[in-house]
Amino acid sequence: MNKFETIIGLEVHLQLKTATKIFCGCANQFGSKPNTNTCPVCLGLPGSLPVFNEQALEFAIRVGIALNCTINSAIKFDRKNYFYPDLPKGYQISQYDKPICSKGFLLVHTGGVEKKFGVTRAHLEEDAGKLIHDPSANASLVDYNRTGTPLIEIVSEPDMRSAQEAYDYLTTLKLVLQYLNVSDCDMEKGSLRCDANVSIREVGAPKFGTKTELKNMNSFKAVKSAIEFEVNRHTQIILSGGKIVQETLLWNEEKGVTVPMRSKEQAHDYRYFPDPDLVSFTIEKELVNHVKSTMPELPKEKFQRFIEKYKLSEYDSSVLIQDKGISDFFESCVKASAEPKKVCNWITSVLLKEINDRKSHIDEMFLTPVNLAGLIRNVEDGVISNLAGKDVLKFMLDTGKSADEIIAEKGLAQVSDDGALEKMLDEIFAAHKDVVLQVKEGKQSAVGFLVGQAMKKSQGKANPKKLGEMINRRISNV
């Protein structure tokens, strides 16, 4: 039995995809030339005054509703004071004691059961700039384009008891946020970032142990690995009679270890105080009700609807909803007169493999729902074989052409003409009389051999289903 219990809490920073920054009119845009999306407000120049972005407020309310939070009516912004080169004002506008959302939870399927993980709060704040380290020049440069980007920080309760639970919480949370359409959730661009607080305690102990904070994790897989390493490190230190030092650690993915960054600040070190340029205000119930009325369908709701409406299995439904683009594409294919189960099979067994191999996304492909529905009909009608259909799909993904166009161009249509198939079978029956005799004696597996010979003779163009039917009919009539 394990002597220690792991305690994990997560802080997720999510960039909101508003058109402009949270307190000024600068473009909220990734990839621009350094220091071009800036102004006196986001640079904190004397005399400039911030103005709160209404869309950021609505996005934050949307997140709060999805996470079952209380949307607090009275909120305010505070100044979080610290000095770092990427923070031009010398403070960050954030929320301290009056966040916009509090006391929520997220239901997560983990370890074969559904668990409820608490959400302490979700508050709005502005992002800092970005430091770019240039080893060749022995210098660091600062890009302030990101300064003032609207962030919502989602702070969990310390409810997770394993790295796997933390991983499952993050993947579930990310999926919900993607469905809300408030962020692109792209970790590579820094749109979604995660810090983890980790500690251990003896099983049954009333108090938490000393925690360490993990940063610099650029994927959920890295979060899981970093937590596992840190839990093991804590365990070894305590078993050897040492004490855990509260500190902030960076995750070195290349070496698979955590390395010290700095001693951990306490909240009072930030010297929070109300921002005098942003007065406290009340969120009206009408606004909250409006956001509730415009909430999109969330993953759990879509999962259940797919099972009930399209008669899919729980497994099929769970695969389809893991990507909103894929789930929307599936429904568009069904609307284009394709049978739901057949569409699901093509997406989950063929299309997703192609997308993953190409390291792409469904929205970046040339494939349209109407064209995939057309391909499925061609396979079901016997115009082409299932194997040929997979090749046609690849051409469709590359060119955007319809299945009919590609089948005609490549000469892939199956031979289904009765006369042509009967003539082919005459030759095969004459060449393999012993196999024909086996079929007559009831050996059905021998039919497959004869079909194979016909496929070989037709260079794969004969309709195998029709061949099987014709062979059985011929022999039963003898």
Protein backbone atom coordinates (compact mmCIF):
# COMPACT_ATOMS: atom_id res chain seq x y z
CA MET A 1 0.00 0.00 0.00
CA ASN A 2 1.25 3.47 -0.93
CA LYS A 3 2.36 5.43 2.14
CA PHE A 4 1.80 8.82 0.51
CA GLU A 5 -1.12 10.57 -1.14
CA THR A 6 -0.56 12.98 -4.04
CA ILE A 7 -2.26 16.39 -4.01
CA ILE A 8 -2.49 18.34 -7.27
CA GLY A 9 -4.05 21.66 -8.14
CA LEU A 10 -3.91 23.24 -11.61
CA GLU A 11 -3.91 26.81 -12.87
CA VAL A 12 -4.87 27.19 -16.53
CA HIS A 13 -4.25 30.48 -18.32
CA LEU A 14 -6.43 30.88 -21.39
CA GLN A 15 -6.02 33.65 -23.96
CA LEU A 16 -9.42 34.82 -25.16
CA LYS A 17 -9.83 35.36 -28.90
CA THR A 18 -11.36 38.81 -28.77
CA ALA A 19 -10.73 41.14 -31.69
CA THR A 20 -8.88 43.63 -29.50
CA LYS A 21 -6.95 43.55 -26.23
CA ILE A 22 -8.65 43.62 -22.84
CA PHE A 23 -8.10 47.28 -21.95
CA CYS A 24 -7.25 49.00 -25.25
CA GLY A 25 -8.08 48.94 -28.97
CA CYS A 26 -4.89 47.21 -30.17
CA ALA A 27 -5.38 44.11 -32.33
CA ASN A 28 -5.36 40.84 -30.41
CA GLN A 29 -3.41 39.00 -33.09
CA PHE A 30 -0.76 36.30 -33.03
CA GLY A 31 2.24 36.36 -35.37
CA SER A 32 2.48 40.09 -36.09
CA LYS A 33 5.83 41.82 -36.44
CA PRO A 34 7.25 42.43 -32.91
CA ASN A 35 5.98 45.51 -31.07
CA THR A 36 3.52 46.57 -33.78
CA ASN A 37 0.27 45.85 -31.87
CA THR A 38 0.97 48.29 -29.04
CA CYS A 39 -0.28 51.66 -27.79
CA PRO A 40 0.19 53.98 -24.77
CA VAL A 41 -2.46 52.02 -22.79
CA CYS A 42 -0.99 48.51 -23.08
CA LEU A 43 2.53 49.92 -22.68
CA GLY A 44 1.49 51.76 -19.53
CA LEU A 45 2.62 55.21 -20.64
CA PRO A 46 1.78 58.15 -18.32
CA GLY A 47 -1.67 59.61 -18.76
CA SER A 48 -3.17 56.59 -20.56
CA LEU A 49 -6.40 55.07 -19.22
CA PRO A 50 -7.71 51.51 -19.68
CA VAL A 51 -11.23 50.73 -20.98
CA PHE A 52 -12.65 47.25 -20.30
CA ASN A 53 -13.42 45.02 -23.31
CA GLU A 54 -17.10 43.96 -23.19
CA GLN A 55 -16.52 40.85 -25.31
CA ALA A 56 -13.89 39.62 -22.85
CA LEU A 57 -16.50 39.98 -20.10
CA GLU A 58 -19.05 37.91 -22.04
CA PHE A 59 -16.48 35.23 -22.84
CA ALA A 60 -15.56 35.00 -19.15
CA ILE A 61 -19.22 34.61 -18.19
CA ARG A 62 -19.57 31.88 -20.82
CA VAL A 63 -16.62 30.00 -19.31
CA GLY A 64 -18.05 30.41 -15.82
CA ILE A 65 -21.43 29.00 -16.83
CA ALA A 66 -19.80 25.99 -18.53
CA LEU A 67 -17.79 25.31 -15.36
CA ASN A 68 -20.89 25.50 -13.15
CA CYS A 69 -19.54 28.59 -11.37
CA THR A 70 -21.33 31.35 -9.53
CA ILE A 71 -21.15 34.49 -11.67
CA ASN A 72 -20.44 37.17 -9.10
CA SER A 73 -22.47 40.34 -9.47
CA ALA A 74 -19.89 42.72 -7.96
CA ILE A 75 -16.40 42.52 -9.43
CA LYS A 76 -13.32 44.71 -9.53
CA PHE A 77 -9.82 44.77 -10.99
CA ASP A 78 -6.62 44.91 -8.95
CA ARG A 79 -2.99 45.69 -9.60
CA LYS A 80 -0.67 42.75 -9.07
CA ASN A 81 2.74 44.30 -8.54
CA TYR A 82 5.97 42.69 -9.68
CA PHE A 83 8.90 43.76 -11.77
CA TYR A 84 9.93 41.82 -14.86
CA PRO A 85 11.10 43.02 -18.29
CA ASP A 86 8.01 41.70 -20.10
CA LEU A 87 5.66 43.71 -17.84
CA PRO A 88 5.93 47.33 -19.04
CA LYS A 89 3.76 48.91 -16.33
CA GLY A 90 5.52 47.18 -13.42
CA TYR A 91 2.17 45.63 -12.49
CA GLN A 92 -0.42 43.35 -14.04
CA ILE A 93 -4.13 44.20 -14.03
CA SER A 94 -5.83 41.14 -12.55
CA GLN A 95 -8.60 40.22 -10.09
CA TYR A 96 -7.81 39.36 -6.48
CA ASP A 97 -10.64 39.15 -3.94
CA LYS A 98 -13.59 39.73 -6.32
CA PRO A 99 -13.17 37.44 -9.34
CA ILE A 100 -15.84 37.18 -11.99
CA CYS A 101 -16.45 33.42 -11.42
CA SER A 102 -16.16 31.27 -8.30
CA LYS A 103 -17.09 27.93 -6.69
CA GLY A 104 -17.62 25.76 -9.75
CA PHE A 105 -16.76 22.23 -10.82
CA LEU A 106 -15.93 20.09 -13.83
CA LEU A 107 -17.08 16.50 -14.30
CA VAL A 108 -14.26 14.36 -15.69
CA HIS A 109 -14.25 10.73 -16.82
CA THR A 110 -11.05 9.27 -15.37
CA GLY A 111 -10.00 5.84 -14.21
CA GLY A 112 -13.24 4.33 -15.51
CA VAL A 113 -15.47 6.57 -13.35
CA GLU A 114 -16.79 10.12 -13.43
CA LYS A 115 -15.25 12.44 -10.84
CA LYS A 116 -16.10 15.99 -9.83
CA PHE A 117 -13.13 18.33 -9.60
CA GLY A 118 -13.74 21.69 -7.97
CA VAL A 119 -12.98 25.01 -9.64
CA THR A 120 -11.99 27.59 -7.02
CA ARG A 121 -12.26 30.59 -9.31
CA ALA A 122 -11.91 31.91 -12.82
CA HIS A 123 -10.77 35.50 -13.10
CA LEU A 124 -9.86 37.94 -15.85
CA GLU A 125 -6.46 39.55 -16.25
CA GLU A 126 -4.10 40.87 -18.90
CA ASP A 127 -1.22 38.88 -20.35
CA ALA A 128 2.39 40.01 -20.16
CA GLY A 129 4.77 40.48 -23.08
CA LYS A 130 7.11 37.82 -24.42
CA LEU A 131 10.83 37.56 -23.74
CA ILE A 132 12.89 36.25 -26.65
CA HIS A 133 16.31 34.99 -25.64
CA ASP A 134 19.08 35.29 -28.22
CA PRO A 135 22.10 33.22 -27.10
CA SER A 136 24.18 34.33 -30.09
CA ALA A 137 23.92 37.97 -29.00
CA ASN A 138 24.00 37.14 -25.28
CA ALA A 139 20.84 39.24 -24.91
CA SER A 140 17.09 39.04 -24.36
CA LEU A 141 14.60 40.96 -26.48
CA VAL A 142 11.04 41.88 -25.52
CA ASP A 143 7.99 41.70 -27.78
CA TYR A 144 5.09 43.64 -26.23
CA ASN A 145 2.48 42.54 -28.79
CA ARG A 146 1.10 40.01 -26.29
CA THR A 147 0.90 42.62 -23.50
CA GLY A 148 -2.75 43.29 -22.70
CA THR A 149 -4.09 40.15 -24.37
CA PRO A 150 -7.19 39.11 -22.40
CA LEU A 151 -6.61 36.09 -20.18
CA ILE A 152 -8.92 34.07 -18.02
CA GLU A 153 -7.15 32.10 -15.29
CA ILE A 154 -9.00 28.96 -14.19
CA VAL A 155 -7.86 27.74 -10.77
CA SER A 156 -8.85 24.24 -9.70
CA GLU A 157 -9.28 22.96 -6.18
CA PRO A 158 -6.44 20.62 -5.09
CA ASP A 159 -8.72 17.67 -5.87
CA MET A 160 -6.55 15.60 -8.20
CA ARG A 161 -4.73 12.62 -6.72
CA SER A 162 -2.61 11.44 -9.65
CA ALA A 163 -0.88 12.74 -12.76
CA GLN A 164 -3.42 10.81 -14.85
CA GLU A 165 -6.33 12.60 -13.16
CA ALA A 166 -4.62 15.93 -13.86
CA TYR A 167 -4.15 14.93 -17.51
CA ASP A 168 -7.80 13.88 -17.85
CA TYR A 169 -8.97 17.11 -16.19
CA LEU A 170 -6.95 19.19 -18.65
CA THR A 171 -8.10 17.33 -21.76
CA THR A 172 -11.74 17.60 -20.63
CA LEU A 173 -11.36 21.29 -19.80
CA LYS A 174 -9.68 22.05 -23.12
CA LEU A 175 -12.49 20.31 -25.03
CA VAL A 176 -15.13 22.34 -23.18
CA LEU A 177 -13.25 25.59 -23.90
CA GLN A 178 -12.96 24.71 -27.60
CA TYR A 179 -16.72 24.09 -27.80
CA LEU A 180 -17.32 27.46 -26.13
CA ASN A 181 -15.38 29.09 -29.00
CA VAL A 182 -13.68 31.59 -26.67
CA SER A 183 -10.10 30.61 -27.57
CA ASP A 184 -8.16 28.54 -30.10
CA CYS A 185 -6.56 26.70 -27.12
CA ASP A 186 -3.30 26.36 -29.07
CA MET A 187 -0.53 25.51 -26.59
CA GLU A 188 2.17 25.99 -29.23
CA LYS A 189 1.10 29.63 -29.64
CA GLY A 190 0.75 30.07 -25.88
CA SER A 191 -3.03 30.48 -26.07
CA LEU A 192 -3.40 27.87 -23.34
CA ARG A 193 -0.81 27.51 -20.60
CA CYS A 194 -0.83 25.41 -17.46
CA ASP A 195 0.92 25.54 -14.09
CA ALA A 196 0.68 22.69 -11.58
CA ASN A 197 0.95 22.79 -7.80
CA VAL A 198 2.15 19.46 -6.43
CA SER A 199 2.57 18.12 -2.90
CA ILE A 200 2.35 14.81 -1.07
CA ARG A 201 1.24 13.83 2.42
CA GLU A 202 1.03 10.63 4.41
CA VAL A 203 -2.24 8.83 3.79
CA GLY A 204 -4.75 10.03 6.40
CA ALA A 205 -2.78 13.16 7.34
CA PRO A 206 -5.09 16.19 7.90
CA LYS A 207 -2.84 18.82 6.34
CA PHE A 208 -1.31 19.16 2.88
CA GLY A 209 2.44 18.89 2.50
CA THR A 210 4.71 21.66 1.22
CA LYS A 211 3.97 22.29 -2.44
CA THR A 212 6.09 23.12 -5.44
CA GLU A 213 4.83 24.91 -8.55
CA LEU A 214 5.62 23.55 -12.01
CA LYS A 215 5.90 25.84 -15.04
CA ASN A 216 7.13 25.76 -18.64
CA MET A 217 5.05 22.77 -19.76
CA ASN A 218 4.04 23.01 -23.41
CA SER A 219 1.72 20.01 -23.67
CA PHE A 220 -0.61 17.98 -21.48
CA LYS A 221 1.74 15.04 -21.89
CA ALA A 222 4.52 17.22 -20.45
CA VAL A 223 2.27 18.21 -17.54
CA LYS A 224 1.69 14.54 -16.76
CA SER A 225 5.40 13.67 -16.99
CA ALA A 226 6.45 16.67 -14.87
CA ILE A 227 3.95 15.81 -12.13
CA GLU A 228 5.07 12.18 -12.07
CA PHE A 229 8.70 13.25 -11.76
CA GLU A 230 7.94 15.76 -9.01
CA VAL A 231 5.84 13.31 -6.98
CA ASN A 232 8.70 10.82 -7.09
CA ARG A 233 11.20 13.54 -6.11
CA HIS A 234 9.07 14.61 -3.13
CA THR A 235 8.72 10.98 -2.03
CA GLN A 236 12.46 10.29 -2.17
CA ILE A 237 13.31 13.48 -0.22
CA ILE A 238 10.82 12.73 2.56
CA LEU A 239 11.82 9.06 2.82
CA SER A 240 15.45 10.12 3.17
CA GLY A 241 14.57 12.46 6.05
CA GLY A 242 14.73 15.71 4.08
CA LYS A 243 12.21 18.53 3.72
CA ILE A 244 10.50 19.92 0.63
CA VAL A 245 11.35 23.52 -0.19
CA GLN A 246 8.48 25.62 -1.51
CA GLU A 247 9.68 26.91 -4.88
CA THR A 248 8.80 27.40 -8.52
CA LEU A 249 10.30 24.83 -10.88
CA LEU A 250 10.73 24.65 -14.64
CA TRP A 251 10.19 21.44 -16.56
CA ASN A 252 13.16 20.45 -18.74
CA GLU A 253 11.46 18.19 -21.27
CA GLU A 254 14.68 17.19 -23.01
CA LYS A 255 16.21 15.84 -19.79
CA GLY A 256 12.92 14.84 -18.17
CA VAL A 257 13.64 16.68 -14.90
CA THR A 258 12.44 19.72 -12.97
CA VAL A 259 14.92 22.54 -12.30
CA PRO A 260 14.60 25.44 -9.81
CA MET A 261 13.40 28.79 -11.17
CA ARG A 262 12.82 30.89 -8.03
CA SER A 263 11.49 30.71 -4.49
CA LYS A 264 7.70 30.79 -4.47
CA GLU A 265 6.10 34.17 -3.81
CA GLN A 266 3.17 34.40 -1.41
CA ALA A 267 0.12 36.44 -2.38
CA HIS A 268 1.14 39.37 -0.16
CA ASP A 269 4.41 39.70 -2.05
CA TYR A 270 2.42 41.02 -5.01
CA ARG A 271 1.00 43.91 -2.93
CA TYR A 272 -2.45 43.70 -4.52
CA PHE A 273 -4.58 46.83 -4.38
CA PRO A 274 -7.65 47.99 -6.37
CA ASP A 275 -6.84 49.52 -9.73
CA PRO A 276 -7.85 53.20 -9.42
CA ASP A 277 -8.36 53.52 -13.18
CA LEU A 278 -10.96 50.72 -13.35
CA VAL A 279 -13.87 51.26 -10.98
CA SER A 280 -15.79 48.37 -9.41
CA PHE A 281 -18.95 47.48 -11.28
CA THR A 282 -21.97 45.20 -11.19
CA ILE A 283 -22.73 42.45 -13.71
CA GLU A 284 -26.44 42.70 -14.46
CA LYS A 285 -28.57 39.54 -14.38
CA GLU A 286 -29.84 40.40 -17.85
CA LEU A 287 -26.33 40.03 -19.27
CA VAL A 288 -25.80 36.66 -17.56
CA ASN A 289 -29.19 35.44 -18.84
CA HIS A 290 -28.32 36.62 -22.34
CA VAL A 291 -25.05 34.67 -22.29
CA LYS A 292 -26.88 31.59 -20.97
CA SER A 293 -29.38 31.79 -23.81
CA THR A 294 -26.61 31.86 -26.41
CA MET A 295 -24.47 29.07 -24.93
CA PRO A 296 -23.33 26.51 -27.53
CA GLU A 297 -23.85 22.77 -27.12
CA LEU A 298 -21.14 21.35 -24.86
CA PRO A 299 -19.28 18.04 -25.39
CA LYS A 300 -21.26 16.04 -22.84
CA GLU A 301 -24.56 17.17 -24.37
CA LYS A 302 -23.37 16.37 -27.88
CA PHE A 303 -22.12 12.93 -26.75
CA GLN A 304 -25.59 12.02 -25.48
CA ARG A 305 -27.36 13.49 -28.51
CA PHE A 306 -25.22 11.52 -30.95
CA ILE A 307 -26.14 8.30 -29.16
CA GLU A 308 -29.85 9.07 -29.09
CA LYS A 309 -30.28 10.74 -32.48
CA TYR A 310 -27.87 8.75 -34.63
CA LYS A 311 -27.92 5.43 -32.70
CA LEU A 312 -24.14 5.44 -32.32
CA SER A 313 -22.30 3.46 -29.66
CA GLU A 314 -20.80 5.26 -26.67
CA TYR A 315 -17.34 4.59 -28.11
CA ASP A 316 -18.17 6.04 -31.54
CA SER A 317 -19.82 9.08 -30.00
CA SER A 318 -16.87 9.70 -27.67
CA VAL A 319 -14.40 9.60 -30.58
CA LEU A 320 -16.42 12.01 -32.72
CA ILE A 321 -16.90 14.65 -30.02
CA GLN A 322 -13.18 14.85 -29.16
CA ASP A 323 -12.81 17.44 -31.91
CA LYS A 324 -15.58 19.96 -32.53
CA GLY A 325 -14.55 20.30 -36.17
CA ILE A 326 -14.83 16.53 -36.66
CA SER A 327 -18.22 16.33 -34.91
CA ASP A 328 -19.57 19.20 -37.06
CA PHE A 329 -18.17 17.55 -40.19
CA PHE A 330 -19.90 14.27 -39.24
CA GLU A 331 -23.28 15.96 -38.93
CA SER A 332 -22.83 17.79 -42.24
CA CYS A 333 -22.12 14.45 -43.95
CA VAL A 334 -25.30 12.98 -42.48
CA LYS A 335 -27.25 15.99 -43.75
CA ALA A 336 -25.81 15.24 -47.19
CA SER A 337 -27.82 11.98 -47.15
CA ALA A 338 -25.19 9.61 -45.77
CA GLU A 339 -26.03 6.93 -43.20
CA PRO A 340 -24.71 7.98 -39.74
CA LYS A 341 -22.98 4.71 -38.85
CA LYS A 342 -21.24 4.47 -42.22
CA VAL A 343 -20.08 8.11 -41.98
CA CYS A 344 -18.80 7.44 -38.46
CA ASN A 345 -16.86 4.37 -39.66
CA TRP A 346 -15.19 6.28 -42.48
CA ILE A 347 -14.27 9.18 -40.22
CA THR A 348 -12.95 7.15 -37.28
CA SER A 349 -11.16 4.41 -39.23
CA VAL A 350 -9.88 6.18 -42.35
CA LEU A 351 -10.22 9.98 -42.27
CA LEU A 352 -8.77 10.53 -38.79
CA LYS A 353 -5.73 8.41 -39.69
CA GLU A 354 -5.12 10.53 -42.78
CA ILE A 355 -5.49 13.76 -40.79
CA ASN A 356 -3.09 12.54 -38.10
CA ASP A 357 -0.54 11.32 -40.67
CA ARG A 358 -0.63 14.74 -42.30
CA LYS A 359 -0.40 16.50 -38.91
CA SER A 360 -3.33 18.63 -39.98
CA HIS A 361 -6.93 19.43 -39.04
CA ILE A 362 -10.23 18.77 -40.76
CA ASP A 363 -10.69 22.51 -41.41
CA GLU A 364 -7.41 22.58 -43.35
CA MET A 365 -8.42 19.78 -45.72
CA PHE A 366 -9.97 20.20 -49.15
CA LEU A 367 -12.54 17.53 -48.32
CA THR A 368 -16.18 18.64 -48.08
CA PRO A 369 -19.01 16.76 -46.33
CA VAL A 370 -20.91 16.46 -49.61
CA ASN A 371 -17.89 14.85 -51.30
CA LEU A 372 -17.31 12.35 -48.48
CA ALA A 373 -21.00 11.41 -48.58
CA GLY A 374 -20.60 10.89 -52.33
CA LEU A 375 -17.59 8.62 -51.82
CA ILE A 376 -19.50 6.52 -49.29
CA ARG A 377 -22.40 6.10 -51.74
CA ASN A 378 -20.01 4.96 -54.47
CA VAL A 379 -18.57 2.27 -52.19
CA GLU A 380 -21.99 1.15 -50.93
CA ASP A 381 -23.39 0.98 -54.49
CA GLY A 382 -20.46 -1.16 -55.60
CA VAL A 383 -19.08 1.40 -58.05
CA ILE A 384 -15.68 1.01 -56.38
CA SER A 385 -14.35 -1.38 -53.75
CA ASN A 386 -13.79 -0.36 -50.15
CA LEU A 387 -10.02 -0.60 -50.73
CA ALA A 388 -10.22 1.64 -53.80
CA GLY A 389 -12.39 4.02 -51.77
CA LYS A 390 -9.52 4.61 -49.35
CA ASP A 391 -7.25 5.56 -52.25
CA VAL A 392 -9.93 7.86 -53.67
CA LEU A 393 -10.21 9.58 -50.28
CA LYS A 394 -6.50 10.43 -50.36
CA PHE A 395 -6.90 12.05 -53.78
CA MET A 396 -9.95 13.95 -52.50
CA LEU A 397 -7.98 15.31 -49.54
CA ASP A 398 -5.20 16.47 -51.88
CA THR A 399 -7.30 17.96 -54.67
CA GLY A 400 -10.76 18.81 -53.37
CA LYS A 401 -12.30 16.90 -56.30
CA SER A 402 -15.41 14.76 -55.93
CA ALA A 403 -15.29 10.96 -55.81
CA ASP A 404 -17.04 10.75 -59.22
CA GLU A 405 -14.35 12.92 -60.84
CA ILE A 406 -11.47 10.91 -59.38
CA ILE A 407 -13.06 7.53 -60.18
CA ALA A 408 -13.49 8.61 -63.81
CA GLU A 409 -9.97 10.10 -64.08
CA LYS A 410 -8.24 7.06 -62.54
CA GLY A 411 -10.46 4.43 -64.17
CA LEU A 412 -11.29 2.89 -60.79
CA ALA A 413 -14.91 1.90 -61.42
CA GLN A 414 -15.61 -1.76 -60.70
CA VAL A 415 -16.74 -4.11 -63.45
CA SER A 416 -20.34 -4.98 -62.57
CA ASP A 417 -21.64 -5.88 -66.03
CA ASP A 418 -23.19 -9.35 -65.85
CA GLY A 419 -21.96 -10.37 -69.29
CA ALA A 420 -18.34 -9.41 -68.59
CA LEU A 421 -18.35 -11.14 -65.21
CA GLU A 422 -19.98 -14.33 -66.60
CA LYS A 423 -17.32 -14.58 -69.30
CA MET A 424 -14.59 -14.15 -66.69
CA LEU A 425 -16.13 -16.87 -64.50
CA ASP A 426 -16.31 -19.27 -67.47
CA GLU A 427 -12.53 -19.08 -67.78
CA ILE A 428 -11.90 -19.38 -64.03
CA PHE A 429 -14.26 -22.36 -63.60
CA ALA A 430 -12.54 -24.13 -66.46
CA ALA A 431 -9.08 -23.47 -64.99
CA HIS A 432 -9.98 -24.48 -61.40
CA LYS A 433 -12.37 -27.42 -61.64
CA ASP A 434 -11.07 -28.91 -58.39
CA VAL A 435 -11.96 -25.76 -56.46
CA VAL A 436 -15.41 -25.64 -58.07
CA LEU A 437 -15.93 -29.22 -56.89
CA GLN A 438 -14.96 -28.19 -53.33
CA VAL A 439 -17.60 -25.45 -53.43
CA LYS A 440 -20.19 -27.97 -54.66
CA GLU A 441 -19.30 -30.19 -51.71
CA GLY A 442 -20.07 -27.33 -49.32
CA LYS A 443 -16.68 -25.76 -48.74
CA GLN A 444 -17.70 -22.10 -48.76
CA SER A 445 -14.16 -20.85 -48.11
CA ALA A 446 -13.30 -22.02 -51.61
CA VAL A 447 -15.62 -19.32 -53.00
CA GLY A 448 -13.12 -16.75 -51.72
CA PHE A 449 -10.38 -18.34 -53.82
CA LEU A 450 -12.50 -18.09 -56.98
CA VAL A 451 -13.39 -14.46 -56.20
CA GLY A 452 -9.70 -13.75 -55.68
CA GLN A 453 -8.83 -15.21 -59.06
CA ALA A 454 -11.48 -13.05 -60.71
CA MET A 455 -10.17 -9.94 -58.95
CA LYS A 456 -6.66 -10.78 -60.10
CA LYS A 457 -7.83 -11.32 -63.66
CA SER A 458 -9.72 -7.99 -63.66
CA GLN A 459 -6.80 -6.14 -62.02
CA GLY A 460 -8.99 -5.46 -59.00
CA LYS A 461 -11.86 -3.90 -60.93
CA ALA A 462 -14.43 -6.69 -60.67
CA ASN A 463 -17.20 -6.23 -58.12
CA PRO A 464 -16.31 -8.83 -55.43
CA LYS A 465 -19.77 -8.85 -53.85
CA LYS A 466 -21.45 -9.50 -57.16
CA LEU A 467 -18.86 -12.15 -58.04
CA GLY A 468 -19.60 -14.09 -54.86
CA GLU A 469 -23.33 -14.02 -55.55
CA MET A 470 -22.82 -15.17 -59.15
CA ILE A 471 -20.49 -18.04 -58.16
CA ASN A 472 -22.95 -19.38 -55.55
CA ARG A 473 -25.87 -19.03 -57.98
CA ARG A 474 -23.98 -20.85 -60.72
CA ILE A 475 -23.01 -23.77 -58.52
CA SER A 476 -26.45 -24.11 -56.89
CA ASN A 477 -28.01 -24.32 -60.37
CA VAL A 478 -25.67 -27.10 -61.52
